[in-house]
């Protein structure tokens, strides 16, 4: 059931262009961002350690560089905030997490 929600969320968001006026980085699509956000939401909105990034990488299929690029993009777009050891998604369902 969780994966069905993930797929549905990605499908709904995949048609979106860059968010908050930010231009998507080279090699990153709106679908990539939607997939990443869905995976982080599924993981509880906060990634505290590198070990917690592994399930995100598995769900998305992104390598480390692509994960970092998406996180940086979301931070610049105001949809993510750095934490002491990771980051927190601050948009969508995670806005009040």
PDB file of N, CA and C in Angstrom:
ATOM      1  N   UNK A   1       0.815  -1.183   0.000  1.00  0.00           N
ATOM      2  CA  UNK A   1       0.000   0.000   0.000  1.00  0.00           C
ATOM      3  C   UNK A   1       0.869   1.262   0.000  1.00  0.00           C
ATOM      4  N   UNK A   2       1.977   1.223   0.760  1.00  0.00           N
ATOM      5  CA  UNK A   2       2.856   2.385   0.812  1.00  0.00           C
ATOM      6  C   UNK A   2       3.435   2.690  -0.558  1.00  0.00           C
ATOM      7  N   UNK A   3       3.810   1.651  -1.288  1.00  0.00           N
ATOM      8  CA  UNK A   3       4.393   1.866  -2.603  1.00  0.00           C
ATOM      9  C   UNK A   3       3.361   2.405  -3.589  1.00  0.00           C
ATOM     10  N   UNK A   4       2.119   2.008  -3.428  1.00  0.00           N
ATOM     11  CA  UNK A   4       1.059   2.532  -4.291  1.00  0.00           C
ATOM     12  C   UNK A   4       0.911   4.035  -4.068  1.00  0.00           C
ATOM     13  N   UNK A   5       0.981   4.460  -2.807  1.00  0.00           N
ATOM     14  CA  UNK A   5       0.897   5.894  -2.503  1.00  0.00           C
ATOM     15  C   UNK A   5       2.096   6.624  -3.086  1.00  0.00           C
ATOM     16  N   UNK A   6       3.270   6.022  -3.002  1.00  0.00           N
ATOM     17  CA  UNK A   6       4.483   6.608  -3.558  1.00  0.00           C
ATOM     18  C   UNK A   6       4.337   6.789  -5.062  1.00  0.00           C
ATOM     19  N   UNK A   7       3.860   5.784  -5.742  1.00  0.00           N
ATOM     20  CA  UNK A   7       3.693   5.849  -7.196  1.00  0.00           C
ATOM     21  C   UNK A   7       2.642   6.894  -7.568  1.00  0.00           C
ATOM     22  N   UNK A   8       1.550   6.940  -6.819  1.00  0.00           N
ATOM     23  CA  UNK A   8       0.503   7.919  -7.078  1.00  0.00           C
ATOM     24  C   UNK A   8       1.029   9.338  -6.895  1.00  0.00           C
ATOM     25  N   UNK A   9       1.782   9.573  -5.836  1.00  0.00           N
ATOM     26  CA  UNK A   9       2.340  10.899  -5.583  1.00  0.00           C
ATOM     27  C   UNK A   9       3.280  11.306  -6.701  1.00  0.00           C
ATOM     28  N   UNK A  10       4.136  10.412  -7.108  1.00  0.00           N
ATOM     29  CA  UNK A  10       5.067  10.717  -8.196  1.00  0.00           C
ATOM     30  C   UNK A  10       4.297  11.018  -9.469  1.00  0.00           C
ATOM     31  N   UNK A  11       3.275  10.248  -9.740  1.00  0.00           N
ATOM     32  CA  UNK A  11       2.482  10.477 -10.938  1.00  0.00           C
ATOM     33  C   UNK A  11       1.810  11.831 -10.938  1.00  0.00           C
ATOM     34  N   UNK A  12       1.310  12.248  -9.795  1.00  0.00           N
ATOM     35  CA  UNK A  12       0.640  13.537  -9.697  1.00  0.00           C
ATOM     36  C   UNK A  12       1.604  14.705  -9.841  1.00  0.00           C
ATOM     37  N   UNK A  13       2.813  14.540  -9.328  1.00  0.00           N
ATOM     38  CA  UNK A  13       3.776  15.635  -9.333  1.00  0.00           C
ATOM     39  C   UNK A  13       4.708  15.641 -10.533  1.00  0.00           C
ATOM     40  N   UNK A  14       4.722  14.583 -11.305  1.00  0.00           N
ATOM     41  CA  UNK A  14       5.716  14.464 -12.368  1.00  0.00           C
ATOM     42  C   UNK A  14       5.554  15.497 -13.475  1.00  0.00           C
ATOM     43  N   UNK A  15       4.382  16.051 -13.621  1.00  0.00           N
ATOM     44  CA  UNK A  15       4.177  17.051 -14.654  1.00  0.00           C
ATOM     45  C   UNK A  15       4.623  18.440 -14.258  1.00  0.00           C
ATOM     46  N   UNK A  16       5.056  18.627 -13.029  1.00  0.00           N
ATOM     47  CA  UNK A  16       5.438  19.953 -12.539  1.00  0.00           C
ATOM     48  C   UNK A  16       6.820  20.347 -13.029  1.00  0.00           C
ATOM     49  N   UNK A  17       6.994  21.629 -13.333  1.00  0.00           N
ATOM     50  CA  UNK A  17       8.318  22.148 -13.642  1.00  0.00           C
ATOM     51  C   UNK A  17       8.991  22.517 -12.333  1.00  0.00           C
ATOM     52  N   UNK A  18      10.064  23.288 -12.399  1.00  0.00           N
ATOM     53  CA  UNK A  18      10.767  23.703 -11.195  1.00  0.00           C
ATOM     54  C   UNK A  18       9.827  24.340 -10.199  1.00  0.00           C
ATOM     55  N   UNK A  19      10.100  24.122  -8.929  1.00  0.00           N
ATOM     56  CA  UNK A  19       9.234  24.622  -7.880  1.00  0.00           C
ATOM     57  C   UNK A  19       9.763  25.937  -7.341  1.00  0.00           C
ATOM     58  N   UNK A  20       8.909  26.739  -6.806  1.00  0.00           N
ATOM     59  CA  UNK A  20       9.271  27.989  -6.136  1.00  0.00           C
ATOM     60  C   UNK A  20      10.154  28.882  -6.994  1.00  0.00           C
ATOM     61  N   UNK A  21       9.989  28.798  -8.304  1.00  0.00           N
ATOM     62  CA  UNK A  21      10.755  29.663  -9.190  1.00  0.00           C
ATOM     63  C   UNK A  21      12.193  29.229  -9.411  1.00  0.00           C
ATOM     64  N   UNK A  22      12.622  28.153  -8.794  1.00  0.00           N
ATOM     65  CA  UNK A  22      13.989  27.671  -8.973  1.00  0.00           C
ATOM     66  C   UNK A  22      14.075  26.841 -10.255  1.00  0.00           C
ATOM     67  N   UNK A  23      15.146  27.021 -10.992  1.00  0.00           N
ATOM     68  CA  UNK A  23      15.383  26.223 -12.184  1.00  0.00           C
ATOM     69  C   UNK A  23      15.959  24.882 -11.767  1.00  0.00           C
ATOM     70  N   UNK A  24      15.444  23.826 -12.359  1.00  0.00           N
ATOM     71  CA  UNK A  24      15.964  22.494 -12.041  1.00  0.00           C
ATOM     72  C   UNK A  24      17.416  22.374 -12.483  1.00  0.00           C
ATOM     73  N   UNK A  25      18.246  21.733 -11.660  1.00  0.00           N
ATOM     74  CA  UNK A  25      19.644  21.519 -12.033  1.00  0.00           C
ATOM     75  C   UNK A  25      19.753  20.588 -13.243  1.00  0.00           C
ATOM     76  N   UNK A  26      20.851  20.693 -13.961  1.00  0.00           N
ATOM     77  CA  UNK A  26      21.102  19.790 -15.086  1.00  0.00           C
ATOM     78  C   UNK A  26      21.033  18.351 -14.605  1.00  0.00           C
ATOM     79  N   UNK A  27      20.355  17.521 -15.364  1.00  0.00           N
ATOM     80  CA  UNK A  27      20.265  16.104 -15.051  1.00  0.00           C
ATOM     81  C   UNK A  27      19.181  15.764 -14.040  1.00  0.00           C
ATOM     82  N   UNK A  28      18.432  16.764 -13.561  1.00  0.00           N
ATOM     83  CA  UNK A  28      17.358  16.538 -12.601  1.00  0.00           C
ATOM     84  C   UNK A  28      16.039  16.952 -13.261  1.00  0.00           C
ATOM     85  N   UNK A  29      15.068  16.062 -13.198  1.00  0.00           N
ATOM     86  CA  UNK A  29      13.756  16.359 -13.765  1.00  0.00           C
ATOM     87  C   UNK A  29      12.743  16.592 -12.646  1.00  0.00           C
ATOM     88  N   UNK A  30      11.607  17.151 -13.007  1.00  0.00           N
ATOM     89  CA  UNK A  30      10.528  17.321 -12.034  1.00  0.00           C
ATOM     90  C   UNK A  30      10.090  15.961 -11.486  1.00  0.00           C
ATOM     91  N   UNK A  31      10.139  14.937 -12.323  1.00  0.00           N
ATOM     92  CA  UNK A  31       9.800  13.588 -11.869  1.00  0.00           C
ATOM     93  C   UNK A  31      10.793  13.090 -10.823  1.00  0.00           C
ATOM     94  N   UNK A  32      12.079  13.410 -11.019  1.00  0.00           N
ATOM     95  CA  UNK A  32      13.106  13.032 -10.039  1.00  0.00           C
ATOM     96  C   UNK A  32      12.803  13.671  -8.686  1.00  0.00           C
ATOM     97  N   UNK A  33      12.468  14.965  -8.714  1.00  0.00           N
ATOM     98  CA  UNK A  33      12.184  15.697  -7.478  1.00  0.00           C
ATOM     99  C   UNK A  33      10.946  15.110  -6.801  1.00  0.00           C
ATOM    100  N   UNK A  34       9.914  14.824  -7.581  1.00  0.00           N
ATOM    101  CA  UNK A  34       8.693  14.252  -7.018  1.00  0.00           C
ATOM    102  C   UNK A  34       8.953  12.878  -6.410  1.00  0.00           C
ATOM    103  N   UNK A  35       9.736  12.058  -7.085  1.00  0.00           N
ATOM    104  CA  UNK A  35      10.077  10.739  -6.579  1.00  0.00           C
ATOM    105  C   UNK A  35      10.858  10.857  -5.275  1.00  0.00           C
ATOM    106  N   UNK A  36      11.834  11.755  -5.238  1.00  0.00           N
ATOM    107  CA  UNK A  36      12.641  11.966  -4.043  1.00  0.00           C
ATOM    108  C   UNK A  36      11.764  12.428  -2.877  1.00  0.00           C
ATOM    109  N   UNK A  37      10.911  13.422  -3.130  1.00  0.00           N
ATOM    110  CA  UNK A  37      10.050  13.943  -2.069  1.00  0.00           C
ATOM    111  C   UNK A  37       9.104  12.863  -1.549  1.00  0.00           C
ATOM    112  N   UNK A  38       8.579  12.040  -2.427  1.00  0.00           N
ATOM    113  CA  UNK A  38       7.697  10.945  -2.005  1.00  0.00           C
ATOM    114  C   UNK A  38       8.460   9.946  -1.137  1.00  0.00           C
ATOM    115  N   UNK A  39       9.697   9.626  -1.509  1.00  0.00           N
ATOM    116  CA  UNK A  39      10.505   8.677  -0.737  1.00  0.00           C
ATOM    117  C   UNK A  39      10.842   9.242   0.637  1.00  0.00           C
ATOM    118  N   UNK A  40      11.194  10.525   0.706  1.00  0.00           N
ATOM    119  CA  UNK A  40      11.522  11.144   1.989  1.00  0.00           C
ATOM    120  C   UNK A  40      10.272  11.233   2.861  1.00  0.00           C
ATOM    121  N   UNK A  41       9.145  11.555   2.266  1.00  0.00           N
ATOM    122  CA  UNK A  41       7.890  11.592   3.016  1.00  0.00           C
ATOM    123  C   UNK A  41       7.589  10.218   3.593  1.00  0.00           C
ATOM    124  N   UNK A  42       7.775   9.192   2.791  1.00  0.00           N
ATOM    125  CA  UNK A  42       7.564   7.815   3.238  1.00  0.00           C
ATOM    126  C   UNK A  42       8.492   7.463   4.400  1.00  0.00           C
ATOM    127  N   UNK A  43       9.690   8.042   4.414  1.00  0.00           N
ATOM    128  CA  UNK A  43      10.682   7.768   5.461  1.00  0.00           C
ATOM    129  C   UNK A  43      10.465   8.611   6.714  1.00  0.00           C
ATOM    130  N   UNK A  44       9.467   9.493   6.706  1.00  0.00           N
ATOM    131  CA  UNK A  44       9.170  10.265   7.897  1.00  0.00           C
ATOM    132  C   UNK A  44       9.568  11.720   7.844  1.00  0.00           C
ATOM    133  N   UNK A  45       9.953  12.213   6.695  1.00  0.00           N
ATOM    134  CA  UNK A  45      10.229  13.633   6.428  1.00  0.00           C
ATOM    135  C   UNK A  45      11.588  14.130   6.929  1.00  0.00           C
ATOM    136  N   UNK A  46      12.207  13.436   7.846  1.00  0.00           N
ATOM    137  CA  UNK A  46      13.498  13.879   8.380  1.00  0.00           C
ATOM    138  C   UNK A  46      14.524  12.779   8.164  1.00  0.00           C
ATOM    139  N   UNK A  47      15.646  13.140   7.572  1.00  0.00           N
ATOM    140  CA  UNK A  47      16.759  12.218   7.385  1.00  0.00           C
ATOM    141  C   UNK A  47      17.877  12.699   8.309  1.00  0.00           C
ATOM    142  N   UNK A  48      18.194  11.894   9.314  1.00  0.00           N
ATOM    143  CA  UNK A  48      19.133  12.317  10.354  1.00  0.00           C
ATOM    144  C   UNK A  48      20.560  11.812  10.158  1.00  0.00           C
ATOM    145  N   UNK A  49      20.716  10.725   9.435  1.00  0.00           N
ATOM    146  CA  UNK A  49      22.039  10.122   9.274  1.00  0.00           C
ATOM    147  C   UNK A  49      22.226   9.647   7.839  1.00  0.00           C
ATOM    148  N   UNK A  50      23.469   9.374   7.485  1.00  0.00           N
ATOM    149  CA  UNK A  50      23.750   8.811   6.162  1.00  0.00           C
ATOM    150  C   UNK A  50      23.065   7.462   5.988  1.00  0.00           C
ATOM    151  N   UNK A  51      22.964   6.685   7.067  1.00  0.00           N
ATOM    152  CA  UNK A  51      22.317   5.374   6.985  1.00  0.00           C
ATOM    153  C   UNK A  51      20.848   5.508   6.604  1.00  0.00           C
ATOM    154  N   UNK A  52      20.196   6.586   7.034  1.00  0.00           N
ATOM    155  CA  UNK A  52      18.796   6.796   6.693  1.00  0.00           C
ATOM    156  C   UNK A  52      18.626   7.218   5.230  1.00  0.00           C
ATOM    157  N   UNK A  53      19.714   7.584   4.582  1.00  0.00           N
ATOM    158  CA  UNK A  53      19.660   7.948   3.165  1.00  0.00           C
ATOM    159  C   UNK A  53      19.586   6.707   2.281  1.00  0.00           C
ATOM    160  N   UNK A  54      20.070   5.580   2.774  1.00  0.00           N
ATOM    161  CA  UNK A  54      20.111   4.354   1.975  1.00  0.00           C
ATOM    162  C   UNK A  54      18.731   3.964   1.451  1.00  0.00           C
ATOM    163  N   UNK A  55      17.682   3.926   2.293  1.00  0.00           N
ATOM    164  CA  UNK A  55      16.368   3.570   1.736  1.00  0.00           C
ATOM    165  C   UNK A  55      15.889   4.564   0.670  1.00  0.00           C
ATOM    166  N   UNK A  56      16.257   5.823   0.807  1.00  0.00           N
ATOM    167  CA  UNK A  56      15.881   6.831  -0.184  1.00  0.00           C
ATOM    168  C   UNK A  56      16.575   6.506  -1.512  1.00  0.00           C
ATOM    169  N   UNK A  57      17.845   6.157  -1.432  1.00  0.00           N
ATOM    170  CA  UNK A  57      18.595   5.792  -2.634  1.00  0.00           C
ATOM    171  C   UNK A  57      18.010   4.542  -3.289  1.00  0.00           C
ATOM    172  N   UNK A  58      17.615   3.586  -2.471  1.00  0.00           N
ATOM    173  CA  UNK A  58      17.038   2.348  -3.008  1.00  0.00           C
ATOM    174  C   UNK A  58      15.696   2.634  -3.690  1.00  0.00           C
ATOM    175  N   UNK A  59      14.831   3.404  -3.022  1.00  0.00           N
ATOM    176  CA  UNK A  59      13.518   3.701  -3.599  1.00  0.00           C
ATOM    177  C   UNK A  59      13.605   4.527  -4.878  1.00  0.00           C
ATOM    178  N   UNK A  60      14.551   5.454  -4.920  1.00  0.00           N
ATOM    179  CA  UNK A  60      14.653   6.340  -6.077  1.00  0.00           C
ATOM    180  C   UNK A  60      15.568   5.806  -7.163  1.00  0.00           C
ATOM    181  N   UNK A  61      16.566   5.016  -6.780  1.00  0.00           N
ATOM    182  CA  UNK A  61      17.576   4.558  -7.730  1.00  0.00           C
ATOM    183  C   UNK A  61      18.642   5.612  -8.001  1.00  0.00           C
ATOM    184  N   UNK A  62      18.666   6.682  -7.194  1.00  0.00           N
ATOM    185  CA  UNK A  62      19.627   7.767  -7.391  1.00  0.00           C
ATOM    186  C   UNK A  62      20.961   7.429  -6.740  1.00  0.00           C
ATOM    187  N   UNK A  63      22.043   7.861  -7.386  1.00  0.00           N
ATOM    188  CA  UNK A  63      23.353   7.736  -6.754  1.00  0.00           C
ATOM    189  C   UNK A  63      23.539   8.901  -5.779  1.00  0.00           C
ATOM    190  N   UNK A  64      24.635   8.883  -5.027  1.00  0.00           N
ATOM    191  CA  UNK A  64      24.882   9.888  -3.993  1.00  0.00           C
ATOM    192  C   UNK A  64      24.881  11.302  -4.563  1.00  0.00           C
ATOM    193  N   UNK A  65      25.543  11.502  -5.696  1.00  0.00           N
ATOM    194  CA  UNK A  65      25.621  12.838  -6.286  1.00  0.00           C
ATOM    195  C   UNK A  65      24.244  13.386  -6.649  1.00  0.00           C
ATOM    196  N   UNK A  66      23.394  12.517  -7.183  1.00  0.00           N
ATOM    197  CA  UNK A  66      22.056  12.968  -7.564  1.00  0.00           C
ATOM    198  C   UNK A  66      21.231  13.287  -6.317  1.00  0.00           C
ATOM    199  N   UNK A  67      21.374  12.476  -5.268  1.00  0.00           N
ATOM    200  CA  UNK A  67      20.679  12.759  -4.014  1.00  0.00           C
ATOM    201  C   UNK A  67      21.092  14.124  -3.464  1.00  0.00           C
ATOM    202  N   UNK A  68      22.387  14.384  -3.450  1.00  0.00           N
ATOM    203  CA  UNK A  68      22.898  15.662  -2.941  1.00  0.00           C
ATOM    204  C   UNK A  68      22.363  16.824  -3.775  1.00  0.00           C
ATOM    205  N   UNK A  69      22.352  16.663  -5.082  1.00  0.00           N
ATOM    206  CA  UNK A  69      21.862  17.723  -5.969  1.00  0.00           C
ATOM    207  C   UNK A  69      20.387  18.024  -5.707  1.00  0.00           C
ATOM    208  N   UNK A  70      19.581  16.989  -5.536  1.00  0.00           N
ATOM    209  CA  UNK A  70      18.153  17.197  -5.274  1.00  0.00           C
ATOM    210  C   UNK A  70      17.958  17.874  -3.917  1.00  0.00           C
ATOM    211  N   UNK A  71      18.705  17.449  -2.910  1.00  0.00           N
ATOM    212  CA  UNK A  71      18.599  18.075  -1.587  1.00  0.00           C
ATOM    213  C   UNK A  71      18.992  19.551  -1.669  1.00  0.00           C
ATOM    214  N   UNK A  72      20.065  19.857  -2.370  1.00  0.00           N
ATOM    215  CA  UNK A  72      20.485  21.251  -2.526  1.00  0.00           C
ATOM    216  C   UNK A  72      19.414  22.062  -3.252  1.00  0.00           C
ATOM    217  N   UNK A  73      18.841  21.500  -4.287  1.00  0.00           N
ATOM    218  CA  UNK A  73      17.781  22.172  -5.033  1.00  0.00           C
ATOM    219  C   UNK A  73      16.592  22.479  -4.116  1.00  0.00           C
ATOM    220  N   UNK A  74      16.165  21.481  -3.350  1.00  0.00           N
ATOM    221  CA  UNK A  74      15.021  21.676  -2.464  1.00  0.00           C
ATOM    222  C   UNK A  74      15.329  22.699  -1.366  1.00  0.00           C
ATOM    223  N   UNK A  75      16.556  22.740  -0.916  1.00  0.00           N
ATOM    224  CA  UNK A  75      16.938  23.729   0.095  1.00  0.00           C
ATOM    225  C   UNK A  75      16.870  25.128  -0.496  1.00  0.00           C
ATOM    226  N   UNK A  76      17.407  25.310  -1.695  1.00  0.00           N
ATOM    227  CA  UNK A  76      17.340  26.618  -2.357  1.00  0.00           C
ATOM    228  C   UNK A  76      15.907  27.025  -2.673  1.00  0.00           C
ATOM    229  N   UNK A  77      15.051  26.040  -2.933  1.00  0.00           N
ATOM    230  CA  UNK A  77      13.646  26.309  -3.243  1.00  0.00           C
ATOM    231  C   UNK A  77      12.814  26.528  -1.985  1.00  0.00           C
ATOM    232  N   UNK A  78      13.447  26.393  -0.809  1.00  0.00           N
ATOM    233  CA  UNK A  78      12.736  26.595   0.451  1.00  0.00           C
ATOM    234  C   UNK A  78      11.876  25.419   0.862  1.00  0.00           C
ATOM    235  N   UNK A  79      12.155  24.243   0.327  1.00  0.00           N
ATOM    236  CA  UNK A  79      11.358  23.061   0.633  1.00  0.00           C
ATOM    237  C   UNK A  79      12.092  22.054   1.508  1.00  0.00           C
ATOM    238  N   UNK A  80      13.297  22.394   1.932  1.00  0.00           N
ATOM    239  CA  UNK A  80      14.103  21.518   2.767  1.00  0.00           C
ATOM    240  C   UNK A  80      15.003  22.395   3.631  1.00  0.00           C
ATOM    241  N   UNK A  81      15.303  21.898   4.822  1.00  0.00           N
ATOM    242  CA  UNK A  81      16.220  22.606   5.712  1.00  0.00           C
ATOM    243  C   UNK A  81      17.283  21.645   6.199  1.00  0.00           C
ATOM    244  N   UNK A  82      18.519  22.118   6.268  1.00  0.00           N
ATOM    245  CA  UNK A  82      19.559  21.264   6.840  1.00  0.00           C
ATOM    246  C   UNK A  82      19.331  21.084   8.336  1.00  0.00           C
ATOM    247  N   UNK A  83      19.714  19.936   8.849  1.00  0.00           N
ATOM    248  CA  UNK A  83      19.708  19.676  10.284  1.00  0.00           C
ATOM    249  C   UNK A  83      21.140  19.390  10.695  1.00  0.00           C
ATOM    250  N   UNK A  84      21.360  19.073  11.940  1.00  0.00           N
ATOM    251  CA  UNK A  84      22.725  18.833  12.429  1.00  0.00           C
ATOM    252  C   UNK A  84      23.453  17.761  11.616  1.00  0.00           C
ATOM    253  N   UNK A  85      22.752  16.693  11.271  1.00  0.00           N
ATOM    254  CA  UNK A  85      23.400  15.586  10.559  1.00  0.00           C
ATOM    255  C   UNK A  85      22.694  15.179   9.282  1.00  0.00           C
ATOM    256  N   UNK A  86      21.735  15.958   8.829  1.00  0.00           N
ATOM    257  CA  UNK A  86      20.976  15.566   7.647  1.00  0.00           C
ATOM    258  C   UNK A  86      20.133  16.713   7.148  1.00  0.00           C
ATOM    259  N   UNK A  87      18.853  16.422   6.901  1.00  0.00           N
ATOM    260  CA  UNK A  87      17.948  17.455   6.402  1.00  0.00           C
ATOM    261  C   UNK A  87      16.509  17.067   6.730  1.00  0.00           C
ATOM    262  N   UNK A  88      15.629  18.050   6.627  1.00  0.00           N
ATOM    263  CA  UNK A  88      14.210  17.838   6.832  1.00  0.00           C
ATOM    264  C   UNK A  88      13.459  18.432   5.660  1.00  0.00           C
ATOM    265  N   UNK A  89      12.590  17.648   5.086  1.00  0.00           N
ATOM    266  CA  UNK A  89      11.708  18.135   4.037  1.00  0.00           C
ATOM    267  C   UNK A  89      10.648  19.000   4.718  1.00  0.00           C
ATOM    268  N   UNK A  90      10.398  20.194   4.195  1.00  0.00           N
ATOM    269  CA  UNK A  90       9.505  21.138   4.868  1.00  0.00           C
ATOM    270  C   UNK A  90       8.322  21.551   4.013  1.00  0.00           C
ATOM    271  N   UNK A  91       8.023  20.789   2.992  1.00  0.00           N
ATOM    272  CA  UNK A  91       6.895  21.127   2.115  1.00  0.00           C
ATOM    273  C   UNK A  91       5.921  19.963   2.061  1.00  0.00           C
ATOM    274  N   UNK A  92       4.752  20.228   1.508  1.00  0.00           N
ATOM    275  CA  UNK A  92       3.744  19.188   1.364  1.00  0.00           C
ATOM    276  C   UNK A  92       3.331  18.607   2.702  1.00  0.00           C
ATOM    277  N   UNK A  93       3.184  17.312   2.750  1.00  0.00           N
ATOM    278  CA  UNK A  93       2.789  16.622   3.972  1.00  0.00           C
ATOM    279  C   UNK A  93       3.808  16.849   5.080  1.00  0.00           C
ATOM    280  N   UNK A  94       5.048  17.080   4.726  1.00  0.00           N
ATOM    281  CA  UNK A  94       6.114  17.256   5.720  1.00  0.00           C
ATOM    282  C   UNK A  94       6.173  18.667   6.295  1.00  0.00           C
ATOM    283  N   UNK A  95       5.346  19.569   5.827  1.00  0.00           N
ATOM    284  CA  UNK A  95       5.399  20.953   6.291  1.00  0.00           C
ATOM    285  C   UNK A  95       5.191  21.066   7.795  1.00  0.00           C
ATOM    286  N   UNK A  96       4.407  20.219   8.370  1.00  0.00           N
ATOM    287  CA  UNK A  96       4.134  20.292   9.807  1.00  0.00           C
ATOM    288  C   UNK A  96       4.712  19.108  10.581  1.00  0.00           C
ATOM    289  N   UNK A  97       5.677  18.436   9.978  1.00  0.00           N
ATOM    290  CA  UNK A  97       6.253  17.245  10.623  1.00  0.00           C
ATOM    291  C   UNK A  97       7.236  17.628  11.717  1.00  0.00           C
TER     292      UNK A  97
END
